[in-house]
Amino acid sequence: MTADPLPQLRKLCLALPETTERLSHGEPTWFVRDRKTFVTYANHHHDDRLGFWCAAPPGVQEEMVAEEPARFFRPPYVGHRGWLGVYLDVDLDWVELGEIVEEAYRMVAPKTLVAQLDVL
């Protein structure tokens, strides 16, 4: 990895309806309607790896971590709630990461906003 992944992650998050960004616990964090967190950047804050944490459907965290532990992890603090950790210091597939970010958004956004995604 040579380029800073934060601008691309920011672009993915802010492309979703009614999202905002602000610092939370010292890290860039994205919110739906400025209230519900769906993605948090993790720039070596809790360990020596660069990544992000995001909401995930039930069972997805366990499946992805078991299948690809070099790319996915159980994040501290929110991992027990099923959130997924995604490493950003590995080869990145931005199409896949976009799908992960959108799924995180769908997990916390109101149905009216999720419906907007389905018509795009």
PDB file of N, CA and C in Angstrom:
ATOM      1  N   MET A   1       0.842  -1.170   0.000  1.00  0.00           N
ATOM      2  CA  MET A   1       0.000   0.000   0.000  1.00  0.00           C
ATOM      3  C   MET A   1       0.889   1.237   0.000  1.00  0.00           C
ATOM      4  N   THR A   2       0.650   2.129  -0.956  1.00  0.00           N
ATOM      5  CA  THR A   2       1.445   3.351  -1.009  1.00  0.00           C
ATOM      6  C   THR A   2       0.592   4.588  -0.792  1.00  0.00           C
ATOM      7  N   ALA A   3      -0.596   4.615  -1.310  1.00  0.00           N
ATOM      8  CA  ALA A   3      -1.462   5.795  -1.185  1.00  0.00           C
ATOM      9  C   ALA A   3      -2.258   5.739   0.112  1.00  0.00           C
ATOM     10  N   ASP A   4      -2.521   6.905   0.650  1.00  0.00           N
ATOM     11  CA  ASP A   4      -3.348   7.012   1.855  1.00  0.00           C
ATOM     12  C   ASP A   4      -4.779   6.599   1.503  1.00  0.00           C
ATOM     13  N   PRO A   5      -5.336   5.593   2.157  1.00  0.00           N
ATOM     14  CA  PRO A   5      -6.680   5.133   1.822  1.00  0.00           C
ATOM     15  C   PRO A   5      -7.804   6.022   2.370  1.00  0.00           C
ATOM     16  N   LEU A   6      -7.481   6.945   3.263  1.00  0.00           N
ATOM     17  CA  LEU A   6      -8.528   7.763   3.879  1.00  0.00           C
ATOM     18  C   LEU A   6      -9.358   8.555   2.862  1.00  0.00           C
ATOM     19  N   PRO A   7      -8.765   9.234   1.884  1.00  0.00           N
ATOM     20  CA  PRO A   7      -9.608   9.976   0.937  1.00  0.00           C
ATOM     21  C   PRO A   7     -10.610   9.089   0.189  1.00  0.00           C
ATOM     22  N   GLN A   8     -10.190   7.891  -0.202  1.00  0.00           N
ATOM     23  CA  GLN A   8     -11.100   6.997  -0.919  1.00  0.00           C
ATOM     24  C   GLN A   8     -12.200   6.469   0.009  1.00  0.00           C
ATOM     25  N   LEU A   9     -11.844   6.131   1.240  1.00  0.00           N
ATOM     26  CA  LEU A   9     -12.849   5.688   2.203  1.00  0.00           C
ATOM     27  C   LEU A   9     -13.839   6.816   2.472  1.00  0.00           C
ATOM     28  N   ARG A  10     -13.329   8.018   2.630  1.00  0.00           N
ATOM     29  CA  ARG A  10     -14.184   9.198   2.855  1.00  0.00           C
ATOM     30  C   ARG A  10     -15.169   9.363   1.690  1.00  0.00           C
ATOM     31  N   LYS A  11     -14.672   9.227   0.482  1.00  0.00           N
ATOM     32  CA  LYS A  11     -15.517   9.365  -0.713  1.00  0.00           C
ATOM     33  C   LYS A  11     -16.651   8.334  -0.711  1.00  0.00           C
ATOM     34  N   LEU A  12     -16.318   7.090  -0.368  1.00  0.00           N
ATOM     35  CA  LEU A  12     -17.352   6.044  -0.314  1.00  0.00           C
ATOM     36  C   LEU A  12     -18.423   6.363   0.725  1.00  0.00           C
ATOM     37  N   CYS A  13     -17.981   6.790   1.890  1.00  0.00           N
ATOM     38  CA  CYS A  13     -18.931   7.050   2.981  1.00  0.00           C
ATOM     39  C   CYS A  13     -19.815   8.258   2.691  1.00  0.00           C
ATOM     40  N   LEU A  14     -19.203   9.330   2.215  1.00  0.00           N
ATOM     41  CA  LEU A  14     -19.961  10.568   2.004  1.00  0.00           C
ATOM     42  C   LEU A  14     -20.845  10.532   0.763  1.00  0.00           C
ATOM     43  N   ALA A  15     -20.681   9.516  -0.082  1.00  0.00           N
ATOM     44  CA  ALA A  15     -21.538   9.361  -1.257  1.00  0.00           C
ATOM     45  C   ALA A  15     -22.926   8.836  -0.887  1.00  0.00           C
ATOM     46  N   LEU A  16     -23.078   8.339   0.322  1.00  0.00           N
ATOM     47  CA  LEU A  16     -24.350   7.765   0.762  1.00  0.00           C
ATOM     48  C   LEU A  16     -25.269   8.863   1.298  1.00  0.00           C
ATOM     49  N   PRO A  17     -26.589   8.694   1.173  1.00  0.00           N
ATOM     50  CA  PRO A  17     -27.535   9.749   1.551  1.00  0.00           C
ATOM     51  C   PRO A  17     -27.423  10.183   3.018  1.00  0.00           C
ATOM     52  N   GLU A  18     -27.396  11.495   3.207  1.00  0.00           N
ATOM     53  CA  GLU A  18     -27.450  12.134   4.516  1.00  0.00           C
ATOM     54  C   GLU A  18     -26.368  11.651   5.481  1.00  0.00           C
ATOM     55  N   THR A  19     -25.145  11.516   4.962  1.00  0.00           N
ATOM     56  CA  THR A  19     -24.019  11.147   5.817  1.00  0.00           C
ATOM     57  C   THR A  19     -23.181  12.380   6.138  1.00  0.00           C
ATOM     58  N   THR A  20     -22.547  12.331   7.285  1.00  0.00           N
ATOM     59  CA  THR A  20     -21.643  13.393   7.722  1.00  0.00           C
ATOM     60  C   THR A  20     -20.398  12.748   8.301  1.00  0.00           C
ATOM     61  N   GLU A  21     -19.361  13.554   8.402  1.00  0.00           N
ATOM     62  CA  GLU A  21     -18.108  13.092   8.992  1.00  0.00           C
ATOM     63  C   GLU A  21     -17.706  14.046  10.110  1.00  0.00           C
ATOM     64  N   ARG A  22     -17.222  13.465  11.191  1.00  0.00           N
ATOM     65  CA  ARG A  22     -16.600  14.258  12.253  1.00  0.00           C
ATOM     66  C   ARG A  22     -15.677  13.331  13.040  1.00  0.00           C
ATOM     67  N   LEU A  23     -14.799  13.936  13.823  1.00  0.00           N
ATOM     68  CA  LEU A  23     -13.915  13.136  14.651  1.00  0.00           C
ATOM     69  C   LEU A  23     -14.690  12.548  15.825  1.00  0.00           C
ATOM     70  N   SER A  24     -14.430  11.305  16.084  1.00  0.00           N
ATOM     71  CA  SER A  24     -14.975  10.632  17.257  1.00  0.00           C
ATOM     72  C   SER A  24     -13.846   9.791  17.828  1.00  0.00           C
ATOM     73  N   HIS A  25     -13.520  10.015  19.077  1.00  0.00           N
ATOM     74  CA  HIS A  25     -12.401   9.336  19.721  1.00  0.00           C
ATOM     75  C   HIS A  25     -11.107   9.560  18.942  1.00  0.00           C
ATOM     76  N   GLY A  26     -10.978  10.742  18.350  1.00  0.00           N
ATOM     77  CA  GLY A  26      -9.766  11.116  17.641  1.00  0.00           C
ATOM     78  C   GLY A  26      -9.635  10.581  16.236  1.00  0.00           C
ATOM     79  N   GLU A  27     -10.644   9.901  15.721  1.00  0.00           N
ATOM     80  CA  GLU A  27     -10.579   9.294  14.389  1.00  0.00           C
ATOM     81  C   GLU A  27     -11.725   9.802  13.512  1.00  0.00           C
ATOM     82  N   PRO A  28     -11.496   9.956  12.187  1.00  0.00           N
ATOM     83  CA  PRO A  28     -12.603  10.281  11.293  1.00  0.00           C
ATOM     84  C   PRO A  28     -13.678   9.195  11.401  1.00  0.00           C
ATOM     85  N   THR A  29     -14.911   9.650  11.542  1.00  0.00           N
ATOM     86  CA  THR A  29     -16.037   8.737  11.724  1.00  0.00           C
ATOM     87  C   THR A  29     -17.198   9.250  10.893  1.00  0.00           C
ATOM     88  N   TRP A  30     -17.966   8.331  10.303  1.00  0.00           N
ATOM     89  CA  TRP A  30     -19.082   8.712   9.439  1.00  0.00           C
ATOM     90  C   TRP A  30     -20.392   8.296  10.086  1.00  0.00           C
ATOM     91  N   PHE A  31     -21.352   9.211   9.981  1.00  0.00           N
ATOM     92  CA  PHE A  31     -22.631   9.093  10.648  1.00  0.00           C
ATOM     93  C   PHE A  31     -23.773   9.219   9.640  1.00  0.00           C
ATOM     94  N   VAL A  32     -24.883   8.580   9.952  1.00  0.00           N
ATOM     95  CA  VAL A  32     -26.121   8.758   9.210  1.00  0.00           C
ATOM     96  C   VAL A  32     -26.936   9.803   9.967  1.00  0.00           C
ATOM     97  N   ARG A  33     -27.339  10.837   9.233  1.00  0.00           N
ATOM     98  CA  ARG A  33     -28.098  11.949   9.818  1.00  0.00           C
ATOM     99  C   ARG A  33     -27.407  12.528  11.052  1.00  0.00           C
ATOM    100  N   ASP A  34     -26.093  12.506  11.022  1.00  0.00           N
ATOM    101  CA  ASP A  34     -25.258  13.086  12.074  1.00  0.00           C
ATOM    102  C   ASP A  34     -25.458  12.444  13.437  1.00  0.00           C
ATOM    103  N   ARG A  35     -26.043  11.235  13.474  1.00  0.00           N
ATOM    104  CA  ARG A  35     -26.318  10.589  14.762  1.00  0.00           C
ATOM    105  C   ARG A  35     -25.774   9.182  14.875  1.00  0.00           C
ATOM    106  N   LYS A  36     -26.051   8.339  13.910  1.00  0.00           N
ATOM    107  CA  LYS A  36     -25.696   6.925  14.032  1.00  0.00           C
ATOM    108  C   LYS A  36     -24.415   6.615  13.257  1.00  0.00           C
ATOM    109  N   THR A  37     -23.431   6.098  13.956  1.00  0.00           N
ATOM    110  CA  THR A  37     -22.152   5.732  13.346  1.00  0.00           C
ATOM    111  C   THR A  37     -22.316   4.481  12.487  1.00  0.00           C
ATOM    112  N   PHE A  38     -21.699   4.522  11.290  1.00  0.00           N
ATOM    113  CA  PHE A  38     -21.677   3.302  10.482  1.00  0.00           C
ATOM    114  C   PHE A  38     -20.260   2.897  10.078  1.00  0.00           C
ATOM    115  N   VAL A  39     -19.303   3.833  10.073  1.00  0.00           N
ATOM    116  CA  VAL A  39     -17.900   3.515   9.781  1.00  0.00           C
ATOM    117  C   VAL A  39     -17.007   4.406  10.645  1.00  0.00           C
ATOM    118  N   THR A  40     -15.952   3.812  11.196  1.00  0.00           N
ATOM    119  CA  THR A  40     -14.933   4.549  11.945  1.00  0.00           C
ATOM    120  C   THR A  40     -13.561   4.168  11.406  1.00  0.00           C
ATOM    121  N   TYR A  41     -12.778   5.159  11.060  1.00  0.00           N
ATOM    122  CA  TYR A  41     -11.401   4.955  10.612  1.00  0.00           C
ATOM    123  C   TYR A  41     -10.557   4.572  11.821  1.00  0.00           C
ATOM    124  N   ALA A  42      -9.597   3.713  11.640  1.00  0.00           N
ATOM    125  CA  ALA A  42      -8.726   3.275  12.745  1.00  0.00           C
ATOM    126  C   ALA A  42      -7.275   3.412  12.301  1.00  0.00           C
ATOM    127  N   ASN A  43      -6.698   4.569  12.565  1.00  0.00           N
ATOM    128  CA  ASN A  43      -5.337   4.871  12.138  1.00  0.00           C
ATOM    129  C   ASN A  43      -4.346   4.572  13.257  1.00  0.00           C
ATOM    130  N   HIS A  44      -4.099   3.297  13.475  1.00  0.00           N
ATOM    131  CA  HIS A  44      -3.151   2.844  14.482  1.00  0.00           C
ATOM    132  C   HIS A  44      -3.546   3.259  15.899  1.00  0.00           C
ATOM    133  N   HIS A  45      -4.796   3.592  16.102  1.00  0.00           N
ATOM    134  CA  HIS A  45      -5.254   4.080  17.405  1.00  0.00           C
ATOM    135  C   HIS A  45      -5.254   2.970  18.460  1.00  0.00           C
ATOM    136  N   HIS A  46      -5.639   1.772  18.060  1.00  0.00           N
ATOM    137  CA  HIS A  46      -5.767   0.681  19.030  1.00  0.00           C
ATOM    138  C   HIS A  46      -4.748  -0.434  18.828  1.00  0.00           C
ATOM    139  N   ASP A  47      -4.029  -0.402  17.719  1.00  0.00           N
ATOM    140  CA  ASP A  47      -2.970  -1.367  17.471  1.00  0.00           C
ATOM    141  C   ASP A  47      -2.040  -0.795  16.409  1.00  0.00           C
ATOM    142  N   ASP A  48      -1.224  -1.624  15.811  1.00  0.00           N
ATOM    143  CA  ASP A  48      -0.256  -1.122  14.843  1.00  0.00           C
ATOM    144  C   ASP A  48      -0.720  -1.263  13.401  1.00  0.00           C
ATOM    145  N   ARG A  49      -2.009  -1.505  13.193  1.00  0.00           N
ATOM    146  CA  ARG A  49      -2.558  -1.706  11.848  1.00  0.00           C
ATOM    147  C   ARG A  49      -3.507  -0.579  11.465  1.00  0.00           C
ATOM    148  N   LEU A  50      -3.542  -0.262  10.183  1.00  0.00           N
ATOM    149  CA  LEU A  50      -4.449   0.728   9.631  1.00  0.00           C
ATOM    150  C   LEU A  50      -5.696   0.016   9.138  1.00  0.00           C
ATOM    151  N   GLY A  51      -6.879   0.532   9.479  1.00  0.00           N
ATOM    152  CA  GLY A  51      -8.106  -0.101   9.028  1.00  0.00           C
ATOM    153  C   GLY A  51      -9.322   0.750   9.304  1.00  0.00           C
ATOM    154  N   PHE A  52     -10.482   0.128   9.205  1.00  0.00           N
ATOM    155  CA  PHE A  52     -11.714   0.774   9.630  1.00  0.00           C
ATOM    156  C   PHE A  52     -12.625  -0.264  10.258  1.00  0.00           C
ATOM    157  N   TRP A  53     -13.541   0.233  11.071  1.00  0.00           N
ATOM    158  CA  TRP A  53     -14.541  -0.608  11.727  1.00  0.00           C
ATOM    159  C   TRP A  53     -15.889  -0.207  11.169  1.00  0.00           C
ATOM    160  N   CYS A  54     -16.770  -1.182  10.967  1.00  0.00           N
ATOM    161  CA  CYS A  54     -18.090  -0.847  10.419  1.00  0.00           C
ATOM    162  C   CYS A  54     -19.156  -1.811  10.914  1.00  0.00           C
ATOM    163  N   ALA A  55     -20.374  -1.309  10.899  1.00  0.00           N
ATOM    164  CA  ALA A  55     -21.522  -2.148  11.218  1.00  0.00           C
ATOM    165  C   ALA A  55     -21.589  -3.269  10.179  1.00  0.00           C
ATOM    166  N   ALA A  56     -22.083  -4.431  10.591  1.00  0.00           N
ATOM    167  CA  ALA A  56     -22.181  -5.573   9.677  1.00  0.00           C
ATOM    168  C   ALA A  56     -23.402  -6.407  10.047  1.00  0.00           C
ATOM    169  N   PRO A  57     -23.992  -7.070   9.062  1.00  0.00           N
ATOM    170  CA  PRO A  57     -25.121  -7.951   9.353  1.00  0.00           C
ATOM    171  C   PRO A  57     -24.706  -9.089  10.278  1.00  0.00           C
ATOM    172  N   PRO A  58     -25.655  -9.661  10.988  1.00  0.00           N
ATOM    173  CA  PRO A  58     -25.353 -10.774  11.894  1.00  0.00           C
ATOM    174  C   PRO A  58     -24.608 -11.905  11.167  1.00  0.00           C
ATOM    175  N   GLY A  59     -23.541 -12.374  11.794  1.00  0.00           N
ATOM    176  CA  GLY A  59     -22.779 -13.495  11.267  1.00  0.00           C
ATOM    177  C   GLY A  59     -21.689 -13.134  10.269  1.00  0.00           C
ATOM    178  N   VAL A  60     -21.737 -11.943   9.702  1.00  0.00           N
ATOM    179  CA  VAL A  60     -20.766 -11.564   8.676  1.00  0.00           C
ATOM    180  C   VAL A  60     -19.367 -11.426   9.267  1.00  0.00           C
ATOM    181  N   GLN A  61     -19.267 -10.793  10.421  1.00  0.00           N
ATOM    182  CA  GLN A  61     -17.946 -10.626  11.046  1.00  0.00           C
ATOM    183  C   GLN A  61     -17.255 -11.978  11.212  1.00  0.00           C
ATOM    184  N   GLU A  62     -17.943 -12.928  11.820  1.00  0.00           N
ATOM    185  CA  GLU A  62     -17.355 -14.237  12.079  1.00  0.00           C
ATOM    186  C   GLU A  62     -16.941 -14.924  10.781  1.00  0.00           C
ATOM    187  N   GLU A  63     -17.798 -14.843   9.781  1.00  0.00           N
ATOM    188  CA  GLU A  63     -17.512 -15.488   8.494  1.00  0.00           C
ATOM    189  C   GLU A  63     -16.297 -14.871   7.814  1.00  0.00           C
ATOM    190  N   MET A  64     -16.251 -13.556   7.728  1.00  0.00           N
ATOM    191  CA  MET A  64     -15.162 -12.888   7.014  1.00  0.00           C
ATOM    192  C   MET A  64     -13.832 -13.055   7.746  1.00  0.00           C
ATOM    193  N   VAL A  65     -13.844 -12.947   9.071  1.00  0.00           N
ATOM    194  CA  VAL A  65     -12.614 -13.112   9.844  1.00  0.00           C
ATOM    195  C   VAL A  65     -12.099 -14.545   9.709  1.00  0.00           C
ATOM    196  N   ALA A  66     -12.998 -15.520   9.735  1.00  0.00           N
ATOM    197  CA  ALA A  66     -12.583 -16.918   9.597  1.00  0.00           C
ATOM    198  C   ALA A  66     -12.006 -17.190   8.207  1.00  0.00           C
ATOM    199  N   GLU A  67     -12.611 -16.612   7.166  1.00  0.00           N
ATOM    200  CA  GLU A  67     -12.171 -16.851   5.798  1.00  0.00           C
ATOM    201  C   GLU A  67     -10.900 -16.107   5.431  1.00  0.00           C
ATOM    202  N   GLU A  68     -10.758 -14.858   5.913  1.00  0.00           N
ATOM    203  CA  GLU A  68      -9.615 -14.036   5.518  1.00  0.00           C
ATOM    204  C   GLU A  68      -9.092 -13.197   6.687  1.00  0.00           C
ATOM    205  N   PRO A  69      -8.451 -13.841   7.657  1.00  0.00           N
ATOM    206  CA  PRO A  69      -7.961 -13.099   8.826  1.00  0.00           C
ATOM    207  C   PRO A  69      -6.854 -12.095   8.507  1.00  0.00           C
ATOM    208  N   ALA A  70      -6.251 -12.185   7.340  1.00  0.00           N
ATOM    209  CA  ALA A  70      -5.243 -11.202   6.951  1.00  0.00           C
ATOM    210  C   ALA A  70      -5.889  -9.898   6.490  1.00  0.00           C
ATOM    211  N   ARG A  71      -7.184  -9.945   6.182  1.00  0.00           N
ATOM    212  CA  ARG A  71      -7.906  -8.760   5.690  1.00  0.00           C
ATOM    213  C   ARG A  71      -8.969  -8.252   6.652  1.00  0.00           C
ATOM    214  N   PHE A  72      -9.505  -9.135   7.498  1.00  0.00           N
ATOM    215  CA  PHE A  72     -10.622  -8.761   8.366  1.00  0.00           C
ATOM    216  C   PHE A  72     -10.337  -9.156   9.808  1.00  0.00           C
ATOM    217  N   PHE A  73     -10.933  -8.417  10.757  1.00  0.00           N
ATOM    218  CA  PHE A  73     -10.702  -8.695  12.170  1.00  0.00           C
ATOM    219  C   PHE A  73     -11.913  -8.277  13.000  1.00  0.00           C
ATOM    220  N   ARG A  74     -11.910  -8.737  14.234  1.00  0.00           N
ATOM    221  CA  ARG A  74     -12.946  -8.355  15.203  1.00  0.00           C
ATOM    222  C   ARG A  74     -12.430  -7.125  15.952  1.00  0.00           C
ATOM    223  N   PRO A  75     -13.034  -5.965  15.722  1.00  0.00           N
ATOM    224  CA  PRO A  75     -12.505  -4.747  16.343  1.00  0.00           C
ATOM    225  C   PRO A  75     -12.814  -4.668  17.834  1.00  0.00           C
ATOM    226  N   PRO A  76     -11.947  -3.954  18.571  1.00  0.00           N
ATOM    227  CA  PRO A  76     -12.228  -3.755  20.001  1.00  0.00           C
ATOM    228  C   PRO A  76     -13.465  -2.879  20.179  1.00  0.00           C
ATOM    229  N   TYR A  77     -14.060  -2.964  21.336  1.00  0.00           N
ATOM    230  CA  TYR A  77     -15.194  -2.140  21.762  1.00  0.00           C
ATOM    231  C   TYR A  77     -16.512  -2.460  21.049  1.00  0.00           C
ATOM    232  N   VAL A  78     -16.490  -2.642  19.736  1.00  0.00           N
ATOM    233  CA  VAL A  78     -17.732  -2.877  18.998  1.00  0.00           C
ATOM    234  C   VAL A  78     -17.802  -4.272  18.374  1.00  0.00           C
ATOM    235  N   GLY A  79     -16.730  -5.016  18.474  1.00  0.00           N
ATOM    236  CA  GLY A  79     -16.700  -6.356  17.894  1.00  0.00           C
ATOM    237  C   GLY A  79     -17.739  -7.284  18.491  1.00  0.00           C
ATOM    238  N   HIS A  80     -18.003  -7.138  19.782  1.00  0.00           N
ATOM    239  CA  HIS A  80     -19.003  -7.996  20.423  1.00  0.00           C
ATOM    240  C   HIS A  80     -20.412  -7.718  19.897  1.00  0.00           C
ATOM    241  N   ARG A  81     -20.601  -6.568  19.224  1.00  0.00           N
ATOM    242  CA  ARG A  81     -21.898  -6.239  18.624  1.00  0.00           C
ATOM    243  C   ARG A  81     -21.964  -6.672  17.164  1.00  0.00           C
ATOM    244  N   GLY A  82     -20.934  -7.383  16.703  1.00  0.00           N
ATOM    245  CA  GLY A  82     -20.934  -7.893  15.338  1.00  0.00           C
ATOM    246  C   GLY A  82     -20.256  -6.992  14.324  1.00  0.00           C
ATOM    247  N   TRP A  83     -19.698  -5.868  14.776  1.00  0.00           N
ATOM    248  CA  TRP A  83     -19.025  -4.983  13.830  1.00  0.00           C
ATOM    249  C   TRP A  83     -17.818  -5.683  13.225  1.00  0.00           C
ATOM    250  N   LEU A  84     -17.492  -5.291  11.997  1.00  0.00           N
ATOM    251  CA  LEU A  84     -16.396  -5.878  11.238  1.00  0.00           C
ATOM    252  C   LEU A  84     -15.229  -4.903  11.186  1.00  0.00           C
ATOM    253  N   GLY A  85     -14.029  -5.420  11.378  1.00  0.00           N
ATOM    254  CA  GLY A  85     -12.820  -4.640  11.169  1.00  0.00           C
ATOM    255  C   GLY A  85     -12.222  -5.004   9.823  1.00  0.00           C
ATOM    256  N   VAL A  86     -11.797  -3.978   9.077  1.00  0.00           N
ATOM    257  CA  VAL A  86     -11.249  -4.176   7.741  1.00  0.00           C
ATOM    258  C   VAL A  86      -9.866  -3.524   7.697  1.00  0.00           C
ATOM    259  N   TYR A  87      -8.849  -4.307   7.420  1.00  0.00           N
ATOM    260  CA  TYR A  87      -7.497  -3.759   7.321  1.00  0.00           C
ATOM    261  C   TYR A  87      -7.339  -2.965   6.027  1.00  0.00           C
ATOM    262  N   LEU A  88      -6.661  -1.832   6.127  1.00  0.00           N
ATOM    263  CA  LEU A  88      -6.391  -0.990   4.964  1.00  0.00           C
ATOM    264  C   LEU A  88      -4.908  -0.954   4.605  1.00  0.00           C
ATOM    265  N   ASP A  89      -4.109  -1.777   5.267  1.00  0.00           N
ATOM    266  CA  ASP A  89      -2.680  -1.831   4.970  1.00  0.00           C
ATOM    267  C   ASP A  89      -2.323  -3.082   4.168  1.00  0.00           C
ATOM    268  N   VAL A  90      -3.287  -3.560   3.386  1.00  0.00           N
ATOM    269  CA  VAL A  90      -3.126  -4.722   2.512  1.00  0.00           C
ATOM    270  C   VAL A  90      -3.561  -4.293   1.106  1.00  0.00           C
ATOM    271  N   ASP A  91      -3.438  -5.189   0.118  1.00  0.00           N
ATOM    272  CA  ASP A  91      -3.974  -4.880  -1.209  1.00  0.00           C
ATOM    273  C   ASP A  91      -5.475  -4.664  -1.091  1.00  0.00           C
ATOM    274  N   LEU A  92      -5.960  -3.564  -1.672  1.00  0.00           N
ATOM    275  CA  LEU A  92      -7.356  -3.177  -1.483  1.00  0.00           C
ATOM    276  C   LEU A  92      -8.170  -3.353  -2.753  1.00  0.00           C
ATOM    277  N   ASP A  93      -9.352  -3.892  -2.598  1.00  0.00           N
ATOM    278  CA  ASP A  93     -10.336  -4.002  -3.667  1.00  0.00           C
ATOM    279  C   ASP A  93     -11.420  -2.972  -3.335  1.00  0.00           C
ATOM    280  N   TRP A  94     -11.353  -1.795  -3.963  1.00  0.00           N
ATOM    281  CA  TRP A  94     -12.259  -0.708  -3.596  1.00  0.00           C
ATOM    282  C   TRP A  94     -13.707  -0.986  -3.981  1.00  0.00           C
ATOM    283  N   VAL A  95     -13.939  -1.847  -4.950  1.00  0.00           N
ATOM    284  CA  VAL A  95     -15.322  -2.247  -5.255  1.00  0.00           C
ATOM    285  C   VAL A  95     -15.885  -3.030  -4.069  1.00  0.00           C
ATOM    286  N   GLU A  96     -15.117  -3.993  -3.580  1.00  0.00           N
ATOM    287  CA  GLU A  96     -15.559  -4.775  -2.419  1.00  0.00           C
ATOM    288  C   GLU A  96     -15.708  -3.872  -1.188  1.00  0.00           C
ATOM    289  N   LEU A  97     -14.763  -2.978  -0.974  1.00  0.00           N
ATOM    290  CA  LEU A  97     -14.855  -2.082   0.180  1.00  0.00           C
ATOM    291  C   LEU A  97     -16.081  -1.183   0.074  1.00  0.00           C
ATOM    292  N   GLY A  98     -16.414  -0.752  -1.129  1.00  0.00           N
ATOM    293  CA  GLY A  98     -17.632   0.028  -1.327  1.00  0.00           C
ATOM    294  C   GLY A  98     -18.875  -0.757  -0.936  1.00  0.00           C
ATOM    295  N   GLU A  99     -18.889  -2.042  -1.253  1.00  0.00           N
ATOM    296  CA  GLU A  99     -20.023  -2.897  -0.879  1.00  0.00           C
ATOM    297  C   GLU A  99     -20.096  -3.063   0.640  1.00  0.00           C
ATOM    298  N   ILE A 100     -18.949  -3.201   1.277  1.00  0.00           N
ATOM    299  CA  ILE A 100     -18.912  -3.332   2.740  1.00  0.00           C
ATOM    300  C   ILE A 100     -19.412  -2.056   3.399  1.00  0.00           C
ATOM    301  N   VAL A 101     -18.962  -0.902   2.905  1.00  0.00           N
ATOM    302  CA  VAL A 101     -19.400   0.386   3.450  1.00  0.00           C
ATOM    303  C   VAL A 101     -20.904   0.559   3.252  1.00  0.00           C
ATOM    304  N   GLU A 102     -21.397   0.229   2.066  1.00  0.00           N
ATOM    305  CA  GLU A 102     -22.837   0.368   1.816  1.00  0.00           C
ATOM    306  C   GLU A 102     -23.648  -0.553   2.734  1.00  0.00           C
ATOM    307  N   GLU A 103     -23.165  -1.760   2.948  1.00  0.00           N
ATOM    308  CA  GLU A 103     -23.869  -2.687   3.846  1.00  0.00           C
ATOM    309  C   GLU A 103     -23.877  -2.145   5.267  1.00  0.00           C
ATOM    310  N   ALA A 104     -22.780  -1.533   5.699  1.00  0.00           N
ATOM    311  CA  ALA A 104     -22.729  -0.918   7.033  1.00  0.00           C
ATOM    312  C   ALA A 104     -23.764   0.190   7.137  1.00  0.00           C
ATOM    313  N   TYR A 105     -23.853   1.000   6.107  1.00  0.00           N
ATOM    314  CA  TYR A 105     -24.842   2.074   6.064  1.00  0.00           C
ATOM    315  C   TYR A 105     -26.258   1.492   6.175  1.00  0.00           C
ATOM    316  N   ARG A 106     -26.527   0.460   5.405  1.00  0.00           N
ATOM    317  CA  ARG A 106     -27.860  -0.173   5.417  1.00  0.00           C
ATOM    318  C   ARG A 106     -28.222  -0.706   6.809  1.00  0.00           C
ATOM    319  N   MET A 107     -27.215  -1.086   7.575  1.00  0.00           N
ATOM    320  CA  MET A 107     -27.465  -1.630   8.913  1.00  0.00           C
ATOM    321  C   MET A 107     -27.971  -0.561   9.891  1.00  0.00           C
ATOM    322  N   VAL A 108     -27.600   0.693   9.700  1.00  0.00           N
ATOM    323  CA  VAL A 108     -27.951   1.721  10.683  1.00  0.00           C
ATOM    324  C   VAL A 108     -28.885   2.795  10.144  1.00  0.00           C
ATOM    325  N   ALA A 109     -28.985   2.940   8.838  1.00  0.00           N
ATOM    326  CA  ALA A 109     -29.816   4.004   8.257  1.00  0.00           C
ATOM    327  C   ALA A 109     -31.296   3.681   8.370  1.00  0.00           C
ATOM    328  N   PRO A 110     -32.114   4.717   8.485  1.00  0.00           N
ATOM    329  CA  PRO A 110     -33.568   4.508   8.465  1.00  0.00           C
ATOM    330  C   PRO A 110     -34.012   3.924   7.114  1.00  0.00           C
ATOM    331  N   LYS A 111     -35.120   3.238   7.116  1.00  0.00           N
ATOM    332  CA  LYS A 111     -35.628   2.585   5.901  1.00  0.00           C
ATOM    333  C   LYS A 111     -35.827   3.563   4.752  1.00  0.00           C
ATOM    334  N   THR A 112     -36.219   4.790   5.073  1.00  0.00           N
ATOM    335  CA  THR A 112     -36.441   5.777   4.010  1.00  0.00           C
ATOM    336  C   THR A 112     -35.142   6.098   3.270  1.00  0.00           C
ATOM    337  N   LEU A 113     -34.024   6.128   3.982  1.00  0.00           N
ATOM    338  CA  LEU A 113     -32.744   6.385   3.328  1.00  0.00           C
ATOM    339  C   LEU A 113     -32.238   5.153   2.591  1.00  0.00           C
ATOM    340  N   VAL A 114     -32.444   3.978   3.157  1.00  0.00           N
ATOM    341  CA  VAL A 114     -32.050   2.741   2.480  1.00  0.00           C
ATOM    342  C   VAL A 114     -32.820   2.613   1.166  1.00  0.00           C
ATOM    343  N   ALA A 115     -34.079   3.005   1.160  1.00  0.00           N
ATOM    344  CA  ALA A 115     -34.885   2.942  -0.059  1.00  0.00           C
ATOM    345  C   ALA A 115     -34.289   3.810  -1.163  1.00  0.00           C
ATOM    346  N   GLN A 116     -33.658   4.918  -0.794  1.00  0.00           N
ATOM    347  CA  GLN A 116     -33.012   5.778  -1.799  1.00  0.00           C
ATOM    348  C   GLN A 116     -31.878   5.045  -2.513  1.00  0.00           C
ATOM    349  N   LEU A 117     -31.180   4.179  -1.798  1.00  0.00           N
ATOM    350  CA  LEU A 117     -30.101   3.395  -2.412  1.00  0.00           C
ATOM    351  C   LEU A 117     -30.652   2.440  -3.448  1.00  0.00           C
ATOM    352  N   ASP A 118     -31.825   1.905  -3.163  1.00  0.00           N
ATOM    353  CA  ASP A 118     -32.400   0.888  -4.033  1.00  0.00           C
ATOM    354  C   ASP A 118     -32.933   1.449  -5.347  1.00  0.00           C
ATOM    355  N   VAL A 119     -33.089   2.772  -5.446  1.00  0.00           N
ATOM    356  CA  VAL A 119     -33.559   3.378  -6.689  1.00  0.00           C
ATOM    357  C   VAL A 119     -32.416   4.005  -7.479  1.00  0.00           C
ATOM    358  N   LEU A 120     -31.228   4.046  -6.898  1.00  0.00           N
ATOM    359  CA  LEU A 120     -30.080   4.649  -7.608  1.00  0.00           C
ATOM    360  C   LEU A 120     -29.559   3.753  -8.689  1.00  0.00           C
TER     361      LEU A 120
END
